[in-house]
Amino acid sequence: MNKFELLDYIKRNGGGTFHVTLLEPVNYSAGYFVSVVGCEFILPVEHVTAPTLGEVIADIKATILDGVYPNCYIGAWVDADGKLYIEPSQHFDDRQDAIEAGVERNQISIWDIENAETIDLQ
């Protein structure tokens, strides 16, 4: 998927989780996603262009591909106020490991994939 297709996908679906190099959706049925600190971008979705998205993805790729965080993907979602959040998102199989990583990273919540819901941490 190219950056134009990716932006269209995010707008049509309200977000998604994407492979870092292929930019294709990943489809886990279980586990947890926890944001990686220090590389979150928040932009009004109506102002996001494909070139802007491409720049953001390049920054996120640099963070993900440095090897510090295994099992990382690009997470994106649009909130109720029309803000697009894009960030590295690390996959965990174990709930307790995900919660501990979220707390260490001062996250408000983590995402429970199987139940399609957030787990509040604060």
PDB file of N, CA and C in Angstrom:
ATOM      1  N   MET A   1       0.866  -1.171   0.000  1.00  0.00           N
ATOM      2  CA  MET A   1       0.000   0.000   0.000  1.00  0.00           C
ATOM      3  C   MET A   1       0.911   1.233   0.000  1.00  0.00           C
ATOM      4  N   ASN A   2       0.568   2.215  -0.821  1.00  0.00           N
ATOM      5  CA  ASN A   2       1.351   3.447  -0.814  1.00  0.00           C
ATOM      6  C   ASN A   2       0.707   4.454   0.150  1.00  0.00           C
ATOM      7  N   LYS A   3       1.339   5.598   0.331  1.00  0.00           N
ATOM      8  CA  LYS A   3       0.860   6.564   1.328  1.00  0.00           C
ATOM      9  C   LYS A   3      -0.508   7.140   0.971  1.00  0.00           C
ATOM     10  N   PHE A   4      -0.837   7.218  -0.299  1.00  0.00           N
ATOM     11  CA  PHE A   4      -2.155   7.706  -0.707  1.00  0.00           C
ATOM     12  C   PHE A   4      -3.233   6.685  -0.327  1.00  0.00           C
ATOM     13  N   GLU A   5      -2.963   5.420  -0.612  1.00  0.00           N
ATOM     14  CA  GLU A   5      -3.899   4.343  -0.266  1.00  0.00           C
ATOM     15  C   GLU A   5      -4.030   4.214   1.253  1.00  0.00           C
ATOM     16  N   LEU A   6      -2.908   4.377   1.946  1.00  0.00           N
ATOM     17  CA  LEU A   6      -2.925   4.290   3.400  1.00  0.00           C
ATOM     18  C   LEU A   6      -3.801   5.384   4.010  1.00  0.00           C
ATOM     19  N   LEU A   7      -3.645   6.602   3.543  1.00  0.00           N
ATOM     20  CA  LEU A   7      -4.461   7.695   4.057  1.00  0.00           C
ATOM     21  C   LEU A   7      -5.942   7.439   3.775  1.00  0.00           C
ATOM     22  N   ASP A   8      -6.264   6.963   2.597  1.00  0.00           N
ATOM     23  CA  ASP A   8      -7.647   6.639   2.264  1.00  0.00           C
ATOM     24  C   ASP A   8      -8.176   5.538   3.187  1.00  0.00           C
ATOM     25  N   TYR A   9      -7.368   4.517   3.435  1.00  0.00           N
ATOM     26  CA  TYR A   9      -7.758   3.415   4.317  1.00  0.00           C
ATOM     27  C   TYR A   9      -8.057   3.932   5.726  1.00  0.00           C
ATOM     28  N   ILE A  10      -7.166   4.748   6.252  1.00  0.00           N
ATOM     29  CA  ILE A  10      -7.345   5.294   7.610  1.00  0.00           C
ATOM     30  C   ILE A  10      -8.626   6.112   7.689  1.00  0.00           C
ATOM     31  N   LYS A  11      -8.878   6.945   6.695  1.00  0.00           N
ATOM     32  CA  LYS A  11     -10.083   7.779   6.715  1.00  0.00           C
ATOM     33  C   LYS A  11     -11.345   6.939   6.580  1.00  0.00           C
ATOM     34  N   ARG A  12     -11.323   5.905   5.740  1.00  0.00           N
ATOM     35  CA  ARG A  12     -12.500   5.053   5.550  1.00  0.00           C
ATOM     36  C   ARG A  12     -12.796   4.176   6.760  1.00  0.00           C
ATOM     37  N   ASN A  13     -11.737   3.714   7.437  1.00  0.00           N
ATOM     38  CA  ASN A  13     -11.898   2.742   8.518  1.00  0.00           C
ATOM     39  C   ASN A  13     -11.701   3.319   9.914  1.00  0.00           C
ATOM     40  N   GLY A  14     -11.350   4.587  10.016  1.00  0.00           N
ATOM     41  CA  GLY A  14     -11.129   5.199  11.315  1.00  0.00           C
ATOM     42  C   GLY A  14      -9.801   4.838  11.941  1.00  0.00           C
ATOM     43  N   GLY A  15      -8.932   4.194  11.176  1.00  0.00           N
ATOM     44  CA  GLY A  15      -7.614   3.834  11.675  1.00  0.00           C
ATOM     45  C   GLY A  15      -7.237   2.427  11.294  1.00  0.00           C
ATOM     46  N   GLY A  16      -6.204   1.928  11.963  1.00  0.00           N
ATOM     47  CA  GLY A  16      -5.721   0.576  11.719  1.00  0.00           C
ATOM     48  C   GLY A  16      -4.317   0.413  12.254  1.00  0.00           C
ATOM     49  N   THR A  17      -3.820  -0.803  12.136  1.00  0.00           N
ATOM     50  CA  THR A  17      -2.446  -1.116  12.517  1.00  0.00           C
ATOM     51  C   THR A  17      -1.780  -1.695  11.285  1.00  0.00           C
ATOM     52  N   PHE A  18      -0.580  -1.185  10.967  1.00  0.00           N
ATOM     53  CA  PHE A  18       0.031  -1.477   9.685  1.00  0.00           C
ATOM     54  C   PHE A  18       1.466  -1.961   9.822  1.00  0.00           C
ATOM     55  N   HIS A  19       1.844  -2.881   8.935  1.00  0.00           N
ATOM     56  CA  HIS A  19       3.216  -3.364   8.866  1.00  0.00           C
ATOM     57  C   HIS A  19       4.127  -2.191   8.520  1.00  0.00           C
ATOM     58  N   VAL A  20       5.254  -2.100   9.159  1.00  0.00           N
ATOM     59  CA  VAL A  20       6.118  -0.919   9.054  1.00  0.00           C
ATOM     60  C   VAL A  20       6.722  -0.717   7.663  1.00  0.00           C
ATOM     61  N   THR A  21       7.032  -1.780   6.951  1.00  0.00           N
ATOM     62  CA  THR A  21       7.647  -1.598   5.637  1.00  0.00           C
ATOM     63  C   THR A  21       6.645  -1.751   4.494  1.00  0.00           C
ATOM     64  N   LEU A  22       5.686  -2.638   4.631  1.00  0.00           N
ATOM     65  CA  LEU A  22       4.712  -2.874   3.559  1.00  0.00           C
ATOM     66  C   LEU A  22       3.528  -1.913   3.609  1.00  0.00           C
ATOM     67  N   LEU A  23       3.285  -1.326   4.790  1.00  0.00           N
ATOM     68  CA  LEU A  23       2.132  -0.463   5.043  1.00  0.00           C
ATOM     69  C   LEU A  23       0.814  -1.183   4.782  1.00  0.00           C
ATOM     70  N   GLU A  24       0.816  -2.493   4.945  1.00  0.00           N
ATOM     71  CA  GLU A  24      -0.401  -3.290   4.825  1.00  0.00           C
ATOM     72  C   GLU A  24      -0.967  -3.522   6.223  1.00  0.00           C
ATOM     73  N   PRO A  25      -2.286  -3.629   6.340  1.00  0.00           N
ATOM     74  CA  PRO A  25      -2.882  -3.883   7.662  1.00  0.00           C
ATOM     75  C   PRO A  25      -2.400  -5.208   8.241  1.00  0.00           C
ATOM     76  N   VAL A  26      -2.165  -5.213   9.544  1.00  0.00           N
ATOM     77  CA  VAL A  26      -1.883  -6.460  10.259  1.00  0.00           C
ATOM     78  C   VAL A  26      -3.182  -6.874  10.944  1.00  0.00           C
ATOM     79  N   ASN A  27      -3.390  -8.158  11.028  1.00  0.00           N
ATOM     80  CA  ASN A  27      -4.665  -8.638  11.550  1.00  0.00           C
ATOM     81  C   ASN A  27      -4.460  -9.640  12.674  1.00  0.00           C
ATOM     82  N   TYR A  28      -4.066  -9.147  13.822  1.00  0.00           N
ATOM     83  CA  TYR A  28      -3.997  -9.999  14.998  1.00  0.00           C
ATOM     84  C   TYR A  28      -5.406 -10.236  15.519  1.00  0.00           C
ATOM     85  N   SER A  29      -5.657 -11.432  16.028  1.00  0.00           N
ATOM     86  CA  SER A  29      -6.953 -11.709  16.636  1.00  0.00           C
ATOM     87  C   SER A  29      -6.863 -11.723  18.155  1.00  0.00           C
ATOM     88  N   ALA A  30      -5.649 -11.647  18.685  1.00  0.00           N
ATOM     89  CA  ALA A  30      -5.463 -11.665  20.135  1.00  0.00           C
ATOM     90  C   ALA A  30      -4.204 -10.876  20.481  1.00  0.00           C
ATOM     91  N   GLY A  31      -4.062 -10.613  21.774  1.00  0.00           N
ATOM     92  CA  GLY A  31      -2.901  -9.875  22.265  1.00  0.00           C
ATOM     93  C   GLY A  31      -3.263  -8.441  22.576  1.00  0.00           C
ATOM     94  N   TYR A  32      -2.224  -7.624  22.692  1.00  0.00           N
ATOM     95  CA  TYR A  32      -2.398  -6.244  23.166  1.00  0.00           C
ATOM     96  C   TYR A  32      -1.430  -5.340  22.410  1.00  0.00           C
ATOM     97  N   PHE A  33      -1.872  -4.121  22.141  1.00  0.00           N
ATOM     98  CA  PHE A  33      -0.995  -3.118  21.549  1.00  0.00           C
ATOM     99  C   PHE A  33      -0.704  -2.047  22.593  1.00  0.00           C
ATOM    100  N   VAL A  34       0.584  -1.678  22.684  1.00  0.00           N
ATOM    101  CA  VAL A  34       1.038  -0.652  23.614  1.00  0.00           C
ATOM    102  C   VAL A  34       1.852   0.361  22.818  1.00  0.00           C
ATOM    103  N   SER A  35       1.543   1.618  22.999  1.00  0.00           N
ATOM    104  CA  SER A  35       2.249   2.682  22.298  1.00  0.00           C
ATOM    105  C   SER A  35       3.706   2.752  22.743  1.00  0.00           C
ATOM    106  N   VAL A  36       4.573   3.107  21.783  1.00  0.00           N
ATOM    107  CA  VAL A  36       5.977   3.358  22.064  1.00  0.00           C
ATOM    108  C   VAL A  36       6.137   4.859  22.282  1.00  0.00           C
ATOM    109  N   VAL A  37       6.782   5.228  23.359  1.00  0.00           N
ATOM    110  CA  VAL A  37       6.917   6.626  23.762  1.00  0.00           C
ATOM    111  C   VAL A  37       7.888   7.379  22.858  1.00  0.00           C
ATOM    112  N   GLY A  38       7.568   8.662  22.615  1.00  0.00           N
ATOM    113  CA  GLY A  38       8.508   9.555  21.963  1.00  0.00           C
ATOM    114  C   GLY A  38       8.341   9.741  20.475  1.00  0.00           C
ATOM    115  N   CYS A  39       7.339   9.132  19.888  1.00  0.00           N
ATOM    116  CA  CYS A  39       7.188   9.266  18.440  1.00  0.00           C
ATOM    117  C   CYS A  39       5.709   9.281  18.059  1.00  0.00           C
ATOM    118  N   GLU A  40       4.912  10.004  18.828  1.00  0.00           N
ATOM    119  CA  GLU A  40       3.489  10.101  18.544  1.00  0.00           C
ATOM    120  C   GLU A  40       3.206  11.388  17.782  1.00  0.00           C
ATOM    121  N   PHE A  41       2.385  11.284  16.775  1.00  0.00           N
ATOM    122  CA  PHE A  41       1.977  12.440  15.989  1.00  0.00           C
ATOM    123  C   PHE A  41       0.470  12.583  16.078  1.00  0.00           C
ATOM    124  N   ILE A  42       0.007  13.800  16.329  1.00  0.00           N
ATOM    125  CA  ILE A  42      -1.429  14.088  16.413  1.00  0.00           C
ATOM    126  C   ILE A  42      -1.700  15.235  15.448  1.00  0.00           C
ATOM    127  N   LEU A  43      -2.562  14.970  14.477  1.00  0.00           N
ATOM    128  CA  LEU A  43      -2.848  15.943  13.429  1.00  0.00           C
ATOM    129  C   LEU A  43      -4.351  15.975  13.156  1.00  0.00           C
ATOM    130  N   PRO A  44      -4.915  17.126  12.842  1.00  0.00           N
ATOM    131  CA  PRO A  44      -6.318  17.151  12.423  1.00  0.00           C
ATOM    132  C   PRO A  44      -6.456  16.362  11.113  1.00  0.00           C
ATOM    133  N   VAL A  45      -7.309  15.361  11.107  1.00  0.00           N
ATOM    134  CA  VAL A  45      -7.390  14.462   9.954  1.00  0.00           C
ATOM    135  C   VAL A  45      -7.719  15.200   8.662  1.00  0.00           C
ATOM    136  N   GLU A  46      -8.507  16.258   8.738  1.00  0.00           N
ATOM    137  CA  GLU A  46      -8.881  16.972   7.512  1.00  0.00           C
ATOM    138  C   GLU A  46      -7.702  17.727   6.895  1.00  0.00           C
ATOM    139  N   HIS A  47      -6.620  17.916   7.659  1.00  0.00           N
ATOM    140  CA  HIS A  47      -5.444  18.629   7.151  1.00  0.00           C
ATOM    141  C   HIS A  47      -4.323  17.681   6.718  1.00  0.00           C
ATOM    142  N   VAL A  48      -4.522  16.386   6.918  1.00  0.00           N
ATOM    143  CA  VAL A  48      -3.466  15.427   6.595  1.00  0.00           C
ATOM    144  C   VAL A  48      -3.480  15.142   5.091  1.00  0.00           C
ATOM    145  N   THR A  49      -2.316  15.296   4.487  1.00  0.00           N
ATOM    146  CA  THR A  49      -2.141  14.945   3.081  1.00  0.00           C
ATOM    147  C   THR A  49      -1.260  13.701   3.007  1.00  0.00           C
ATOM    148  N   ALA A  50      -1.253  13.054   1.873  1.00  0.00           N
ATOM    149  CA  ALA A  50      -0.401  11.874   1.706  1.00  0.00           C
ATOM    150  C   ALA A  50       1.082  12.215   1.904  1.00  0.00           C
ATOM    151  N   PRO A  51       1.577  13.350   1.366  1.00  0.00           N
ATOM    152  CA  PRO A  51       2.986  13.682   1.635  1.00  0.00           C
ATOM    153  C   PRO A  51       3.276  13.889   3.132  1.00  0.00           C
ATOM    154  N   THR A  52       2.357  14.544   3.847  1.00  0.00           N
ATOM    155  CA  THR A  52       2.534  14.718   5.293  1.00  0.00           C
ATOM    156  C   THR A  52       2.561  13.360   5.984  1.00  0.00           C
ATOM    157  N   LEU A  53       1.632  12.499   5.616  1.00  0.00           N
ATOM    158  CA  LEU A  53       1.594  11.151   6.186  1.00  0.00           C
ATOM    159  C   LEU A  53       2.895  10.417   5.893  1.00  0.00           C
ATOM    160  N   GLY A  54       3.430  10.582   4.698  1.00  0.00           N
ATOM    161  CA  GLY A  54       4.697   9.945   4.347  1.00  0.00           C
ATOM    162  C   GLY A  54       5.847  10.398   5.230  1.00  0.00           C
ATOM    163  N   GLU A  55       5.888  11.686   5.556  1.00  0.00           N
ATOM    164  CA  GLU A  55       6.932  12.209   6.447  1.00  0.00           C
ATOM    165  C   GLU A  55       6.800  11.644   7.851  1.00  0.00           C
ATOM    166  N   VAL A  56       5.567  11.581   8.346  1.00  0.00           N
ATOM    167  CA  VAL A  56       5.312  11.031   9.677  1.00  0.00           C
ATOM    168  C   VAL A  56       5.725   9.561   9.727  1.00  0.00           C
ATOM    169  N   ILE A  57       5.348   8.811   8.712  1.00  0.00           N
ATOM    170  CA  ILE A  57       5.695   7.389   8.664  1.00  0.00           C
ATOM    171  C   ILE A  57       7.208   7.196   8.623  1.00  0.00           C
ATOM    172  N   ALA A  58       7.923   8.044   7.896  1.00  0.00           N
ATOM    173  CA  ALA A  58       9.389   7.941   7.848  1.00  0.00           C
ATOM    174  C   ALA A  58       9.990   8.114   9.240  1.00  0.00           C
ATOM    175  N   ASP A  59       9.468   9.060  10.018  1.00  0.00           N
ATOM    176  CA  ASP A  59       9.951   9.256  11.391  1.00  0.00           C
ATOM    177  C   ASP A  59       9.645   8.037  12.261  1.00  0.00           C
ATOM    178  N   ILE A  60       8.449   7.500  12.116  1.00  0.00           N
ATOM    179  CA  ILE A  60       8.065   6.331  12.907  1.00  0.00           C
ATOM    180  C   ILE A  60       8.900   5.120  12.513  1.00  0.00           C
ATOM    181  N   LYS A  61       9.130   4.941  11.216  1.00  0.00           N
ATOM    182  CA  LYS A  61       9.959   3.819  10.756  1.00  0.00           C
ATOM    183  C   LYS A  61      11.344   3.875  11.386  1.00  0.00           C
ATOM    184  N   ALA A  62      11.927   5.061  11.471  1.00  0.00           N
ATOM    185  CA  ALA A  62      13.255   5.200  12.070  1.00  0.00           C
ATOM    186  C   ALA A  62      13.248   4.713  13.515  1.00  0.00           C
ATOM    187  N   THR A  63      12.176   5.011  14.237  1.00  0.00           N
ATOM    188  CA  THR A  63      12.058   4.556  15.625  1.00  0.00           C
ATOM    189  C   THR A  63      11.880   3.040  15.681  1.00  0.00           C
ATOM    190  N   ILE A  64      10.999   2.522  14.862  1.00  0.00           N
ATOM    191  CA  ILE A  64      10.693   1.091  14.895  1.00  0.00           C
ATOM    192  C   ILE A  64      11.868   0.257  14.406  1.00  0.00           C
ATOM    193  N   LEU A  65      12.488   0.670  13.333  1.00  0.00           N
ATOM    194  CA  LEU A  65      13.514  -0.142  12.706  1.00  0.00           C
ATOM    195  C   LEU A  65      14.867  -0.077  13.401  1.00  0.00           C
ATOM    196  N   ASP A  66      14.974   0.735  14.478  1.00  0.00           N
ATOM    197  CA  ASP A  66      16.251   0.769  15.199  1.00  0.00           C
ATOM    198  C   ASP A  66      16.443  -0.483  16.047  1.00  0.00           C
ATOM    199  N   GLY A  67      15.405  -1.326  16.160  1.00  0.00           N
ATOM    200  CA  GLY A  67      15.533  -2.617  16.824  1.00  0.00           C
ATOM    201  C   GLY A  67      15.326  -2.614  18.323  1.00  0.00           C
ATOM    202  N   VAL A  68      15.080  -1.458  18.923  1.00  0.00           N
ATOM    203  CA  VAL A  68      14.899  -1.393  20.372  1.00  0.00           C
ATOM    204  C   VAL A  68      13.587  -2.055  20.792  1.00  0.00           C
ATOM    205  N   TYR A  69      12.557  -1.882  19.982  1.00  0.00           N
ATOM    206  CA  TYR A  69      11.234  -2.412  20.302  1.00  0.00           C
ATOM    207  C   TYR A  69      10.845  -3.482  19.286  1.00  0.00           C
ATOM    208  N   PRO A  70      10.901  -4.760  19.673  1.00  0.00           N
ATOM    209  CA  PRO A  70      10.478  -5.810  18.732  1.00  0.00           C
ATOM    210  C   PRO A  70       8.958  -5.817  18.571  1.00  0.00           C
ATOM    211  N   ASN A  71       8.489  -6.456  17.515  1.00  0.00           N
ATOM    212  CA  ASN A  71       7.050  -6.623  17.259  1.00  0.00           C
ATOM    213  C   ASN A  71       6.318  -5.291  17.174  1.00  0.00           C
ATOM    214  N   CYS A  72       6.901  -4.326  16.481  1.00  0.00           N
ATOM    215  CA  CYS A  72       6.275  -3.012  16.362  1.00  0.00           C
ATOM    216  C   CYS A  72       5.646  -2.802  15.001  1.00  0.00           C
ATOM    217  N   TYR A  73       4.597  -2.013  15.037  1.00  0.00           N
ATOM    218  CA  TYR A  73       3.831  -1.679  13.845  1.00  0.00           C
ATOM    219  C   TYR A  73       3.494  -0.194  13.894  1.00  0.00           C
ATOM    220  N   ILE A  74       2.853   0.291  12.846  1.00  0.00           N
ATOM    221  CA  ILE A  74       2.366   1.663  12.832  1.00  0.00           C
ATOM    222  C   ILE A  74       0.894   1.630  13.205  1.00  0.00           C
ATOM    223  N   GLY A  75       0.555   2.289  14.295  1.00  0.00           N
ATOM    224  CA  GLY A  75      -0.836   2.373  14.732  1.00  0.00           C
ATOM    225  C   GLY A  75      -1.406   3.732  14.379  1.00  0.00           C
ATOM    226  N   ALA A  76      -2.637   3.751  13.907  1.00  0.00           N
ATOM    227  CA  ALA A  76      -3.290   5.014  13.555  1.00  0.00           C
ATOM    228  C   ALA A  76      -4.770   4.917  13.891  1.00  0.00           C
ATOM    229  N   TRP A  77      -5.329   6.006  14.409  1.00  0.00           N
ATOM    230  CA  TRP A  77      -6.763   6.069  14.640  1.00  0.00           C
ATOM    231  C   TRP A  77      -7.217   7.510  14.684  1.00  0.00           C
ATOM    232  N   VAL A  78      -8.485   7.692  14.366  1.00  0.00           N
ATOM    233  CA  VAL A  78      -9.090   9.015  14.386  1.00  0.00           C
ATOM    234  C   VAL A  78     -10.040   9.067  15.574  1.00  0.00           C
ATOM    235  N   ASP A  79      -9.865  10.081  16.447  1.00  0.00           N
ATOM    236  CA  ASP A  79     -10.740  10.190  17.625  1.00  0.00           C
ATOM    237  C   ASP A  79     -12.034  10.931  17.278  1.00  0.00           C
ATOM    238  N   ALA A  80     -12.901  11.075  18.257  1.00  0.00           N
ATOM    239  CA  ALA A  80     -14.211  11.709  18.068  1.00  0.00           C
ATOM    240  C   ALA A  80     -14.107  13.176  17.665  1.00  0.00           C
ATOM    241  N   ASP A  81     -12.971  13.810  17.966  1.00  0.00           N
ATOM    242  CA  ASP A  81     -12.770  15.220  17.617  1.00  0.00           C
ATOM    243  C   ASP A  81     -12.123  15.403  16.244  1.00  0.00           C
ATOM    244  N   GLY A  82     -11.904  14.301  15.518  1.00  0.00           N
ATOM    245  CA  GLY A  82     -11.316  14.399  14.197  1.00  0.00           C
ATOM    246  C   GLY A  82      -9.802  14.514  14.194  1.00  0.00           C
ATOM    247  N   LYS A  83      -9.170  14.131  15.294  1.00  0.00           N
ATOM    248  CA  LYS A  83      -7.707  14.148  15.353  1.00  0.00           C
ATOM    249  C   LYS A  83      -7.181  12.769  14.964  1.00  0.00           C
ATOM    250  N   LEU A  84      -6.190  12.770  14.093  1.00  0.00           N
ATOM    251  CA  LEU A  84      -5.535  11.544  13.678  1.00  0.00           C
ATOM    252  C   LEU A  84      -4.304  11.330  14.546  1.00  0.00           C
ATOM    253  N   TYR A  85      -4.263  10.191  15.210  1.00  0.00           N
ATOM    254  CA  TYR A  85      -3.117   9.792  16.028  1.00  0.00           C
ATOM    255  C   TYR A  85      -2.347   8.736  15.248  1.00  0.00           C
ATOM    256  N   ILE A  86      -1.034   8.937  15.135  1.00  0.00           N
ATOM    257  CA  ILE A  86      -0.168   7.964  14.474  1.00  0.00           C
ATOM    258  C   ILE A  86       1.035   7.745  15.375  1.00  0.00           C
ATOM    259  N   GLU A  87       1.346   6.460  15.648  1.00  0.00           N
ATOM    260  CA  GLU A  87       2.444   6.163  16.558  1.00  0.00           C
ATOM    261  C   GLU A  87       2.938   4.740  16.361  1.00  0.00           C
ATOM    262  N   PRO A  88       4.154   4.468  16.808  1.00  0.00           N
ATOM    263  CA  PRO A  88       4.597   3.079  16.840  1.00  0.00           C
ATOM    264  C   PRO A  88       3.790   2.333  17.894  1.00  0.00           C
ATOM    265  N   SER A  89       3.418   1.129  17.577  1.00  0.00           N
ATOM    266  CA  SER A  89       2.610   0.332  18.483  1.00  0.00           C
ATOM    267  C   SER A  89       3.220  -1.060  18.586  1.00  0.00           C
ATOM    268  N   GLN A  90       3.532  -1.467  19.809  1.00  0.00           N
ATOM    269  CA  GLN A  90       4.195  -2.750  20.042  1.00  0.00           C
ATOM    270  C   GLN A  90       3.173  -3.804  20.435  1.00  0.00           C
ATOM    271  N   HIS A  91       3.273  -4.967  19.818  1.00  0.00           N
ATOM    272  CA  HIS A  91       2.354  -6.071  20.115  1.00  0.00           C
ATOM    273  C   HIS A  91       2.904  -6.965  21.227  1.00  0.00           C
ATOM    274  N   PHE A  92       2.029  -7.293  22.169  1.00  0.00           N
ATOM    275  CA  PHE A  92       2.352  -8.222  23.257  1.00  0.00           C
ATOM    276  C   PHE A  92       1.320  -9.343  23.251  1.00  0.00           C
ATOM    277  N   ASP A  93       1.783 -10.568  23.475  1.00  0.00           N
ATOM    278  CA  ASP A  93       0.852 -11.690  23.625  1.00  0.00           C
ATOM    279  C   ASP A  93       0.273 -11.739  25.032  1.00  0.00           C
ATOM    280  N   ASP A  94       1.092 -11.403  26.012  1.00  0.00           N
ATOM    281  CA  ASP A  94       0.722 -11.550  27.419  1.00  0.00           C
ATOM    282  C   ASP A  94       0.141 -10.257  27.988  1.00  0.00           C
ATOM    283  N   ARG A  95      -1.016 -10.363  28.625  1.00  0.00           N
ATOM    284  CA  ARG A  95      -1.700  -9.197  29.194  1.00  0.00           C
ATOM    285  C   ARG A  95      -0.838  -8.487  30.231  1.00  0.00           C
ATOM    286  N   GLN A  96      -0.241  -9.228  31.157  1.00  0.00           N
ATOM    287  CA  GLN A  96       0.542  -8.604  32.223  1.00  0.00           C
ATOM    288  C   GLN A  96       1.776  -7.894  31.669  1.00  0.00           C
ATOM    289  N   ASP A  97       2.434  -8.500  30.684  1.00  0.00           N
ATOM    290  CA  ASP A  97       3.587  -7.852  30.050  1.00  0.00           C
ATOM    291  C   ASP A  97       3.165  -6.542  29.389  1.00  0.00           C
ATOM    292  N   ALA A  98       2.005  -6.549  28.731  1.00  0.00           N
ATOM    293  CA  ALA A  98       1.499  -5.346  28.070  1.00  0.00           C
ATOM    294  C   ALA A  98       1.166  -4.258  29.087  1.00  0.00           C
ATOM    295  N   ILE A  99       0.520  -4.646  30.173  1.00  0.00           N
ATOM    296  CA  ILE A  99       0.176  -3.678  31.227  1.00  0.00           C
ATOM    297  C   ILE A  99       1.445  -3.073  31.821  1.00  0.00           C
ATOM    298  N   GLU A 100       2.431  -3.905  32.120  1.00  0.00           N
ATOM    299  CA  GLU A 100       3.684  -3.407  32.689  1.00  0.00           C
ATOM    300  C   GLU A 100       4.380  -2.442  31.724  1.00  0.00           C
ATOM    301  N   ALA A 101       4.400  -2.784  30.427  1.00  0.00           N
ATOM    302  CA  ALA A 101       5.021  -1.888  29.450  1.00  0.00           C
ATOM    303  C   ALA A 101       4.250  -0.573  29.375  1.00  0.00           C
ATOM    304  N   GLY A 102       2.925  -0.639  29.404  1.00  0.00           N
ATOM    305  CA  GLY A 102       2.109   0.566  29.359  1.00  0.00           C
ATOM    306  C   GLY A 102       2.339   1.464  30.557  1.00  0.00           C
ATOM    307  N   VAL A 103       2.436   0.868  31.735  1.00  0.00           N
ATOM    308  CA  VAL A 103       2.679   1.649  32.955  1.00  0.00           C
ATOM    309  C   VAL A 103       4.068   2.287  32.890  1.00  0.00           C
ATOM    310  N   GLU A 104       5.080   1.509  32.475  1.00  0.00           N
ATOM    311  CA  GLU A 104       6.443   2.041  32.358  1.00  0.00           C
ATOM    312  C   GLU A 104       6.508   3.214  31.380  1.00  0.00           C
ATOM    313  N   ARG A 105       5.652   3.183  30.369  1.00  0.00           N
ATOM    314  CA  ARG A 105       5.648   4.217  29.335  1.00  0.00           C
ATOM    315  C   ARG A 105       4.635   5.331  29.631  1.00  0.00           C
ATOM    316  N   ASN A 106       4.071   5.306  30.839  1.00  0.00           N
ATOM    317  CA  ASN A 106       3.097   6.322  31.266  1.00  0.00           C
ATOM    318  C   ASN A 106       1.903   6.453  30.322  1.00  0.00           C
ATOM    319  N   GLN A 107       1.430   5.321  29.844  1.00  0.00           N
ATOM    320  CA  GLN A 107       0.288   5.316  28.934  1.00  0.00           C
ATOM    321  C   GLN A 107      -1.020   5.398  29.725  1.00  0.00           C
ATOM    322  N   ILE A 108      -1.989   6.062  29.161  1.00  0.00           N
ATOM    323  CA  ILE A 108      -3.320   6.154  29.776  1.00  0.00           C
ATOM    324  C   ILE A 108      -4.030   4.819  29.651  1.00  0.00           C
ATOM    325  N   SER A 109      -3.817   4.144  28.520  1.00  0.00           N
ATOM    326  CA  SER A 109      -4.464   2.862  28.282  1.00  0.00           C
ATOM    327  C   SER A 109      -3.668   2.067  27.255  1.00  0.00           C
ATOM    328  N   ILE A 110      -4.035   0.797  27.125  1.00  0.00           N
ATOM    329  CA  ILE A 110      -3.502  -0.071  26.083  1.00  0.00           C
ATOM    330  C   ILE A 110      -4.696  -0.679  25.361  1.00  0.00           C
ATOM    331  N   TRP A 111      -4.462  -1.313  24.222  1.00  0.00           N
ATOM    332  CA  TRP A 111      -5.549  -1.863  23.422  1.00  0.00           C
ATOM    333  C   TRP A 111      -5.582  -3.382  23.529  1.00  0.00           C
ATOM    334  N   ASP A 112      -6.730  -3.907  23.921  1.00  0.00           N
ATOM    335  CA  ASP A 112      -6.992  -5.348  23.983  1.00  0.00           C
ATOM    336  C   ASP A 112      -7.585  -5.739  22.628  1.00  0.00           C
ATOM    337  N   ILE A 113      -6.834  -6.483  21.843  1.00  0.00           N
ATOM    338  CA  ILE A 113      -7.246  -6.798  20.473  1.00  0.00           C
ATOM    339  C   ILE A 113      -8.465  -7.715  20.445  1.00  0.00           C
ATOM    340  N   GLU A 114      -8.415  -8.798  21.193  1.00  0.00           N
ATOM    341  CA  GLU A 114      -9.498  -9.790  21.145  1.00  0.00           C
ATOM    342  C   GLU A 114     -10.850  -9.199  21.537  1.00  0.00           C
ATOM    343  N   ASN A 115     -10.849  -8.360  22.551  1.00  0.00           N
ATOM    344  CA  ASN A 115     -12.100  -7.756  23.039  1.00  0.00           C
ATOM    345  C   ASN A 115     -12.406  -6.397  22.415  1.00  0.00           C
ATOM    346  N   ALA A 116     -11.494  -5.923  21.552  1.00  0.00           N
ATOM    347  CA  ALA A 116     -11.664  -4.627  20.879  1.00  0.00           C
ATOM    348  C   ALA A 116     -12.027  -3.529  21.853  1.00  0.00           C
ATOM    349  N   GLU A 117     -11.194  -3.400  22.904  1.00  0.00           N
ATOM    350  CA  GLU A 117     -11.461  -2.370  23.917  1.00  0.00           C
ATOM    351  C   GLU A 117     -10.160  -1.915  24.565  1.00  0.00           C
ATOM    352  N   THR A 118     -10.218  -0.728  25.146  1.00  0.00           N
ATOM    353  CA  THR A 118      -9.057  -0.229  25.865  1.00  0.00           C
ATOM    354  C   THR A 118      -9.037  -0.785  27.276  1.00  0.00           C
ATOM    355  N   ILE A 119      -7.839  -0.903  27.810  1.00  0.00           N
ATOM    356  CA  ILE A 119      -7.632  -1.263  29.210  1.00  0.00           C
ATOM    357  C   ILE A 119      -7.023  -0.023  29.843  1.00  0.00           C
ATOM    358  N   ASP A 120      -7.760   0.611  30.735  1.00  0.00           N
ATOM    359  CA  ASP A 120      -7.284   1.831  31.390  1.00  0.00           C
ATOM    360  C   ASP A 120      -6.164   1.496  32.370  1.00  0.00           C
ATOM    361  N   LEU A 121      -5.127   2.329  32.347  1.00  0.00           N
ATOM    362  CA  LEU A 121      -3.986   2.125  33.220  1.00  0.00           C
ATOM    363  C   LEU A 121      -3.858   3.198  34.285  1.00  0.00           C
ATOM    364  N   GLN A 122      -4.628   4.254  34.191  1.00  0.00           N
ATOM    365  CA  GLN A 122      -4.525   5.351  35.175  1.00  0.00           C
ATOM    366  C   GLN A 122      -5.847   5.544  35.878  1.00  0.00           C
TER     367      GLN A 122
END
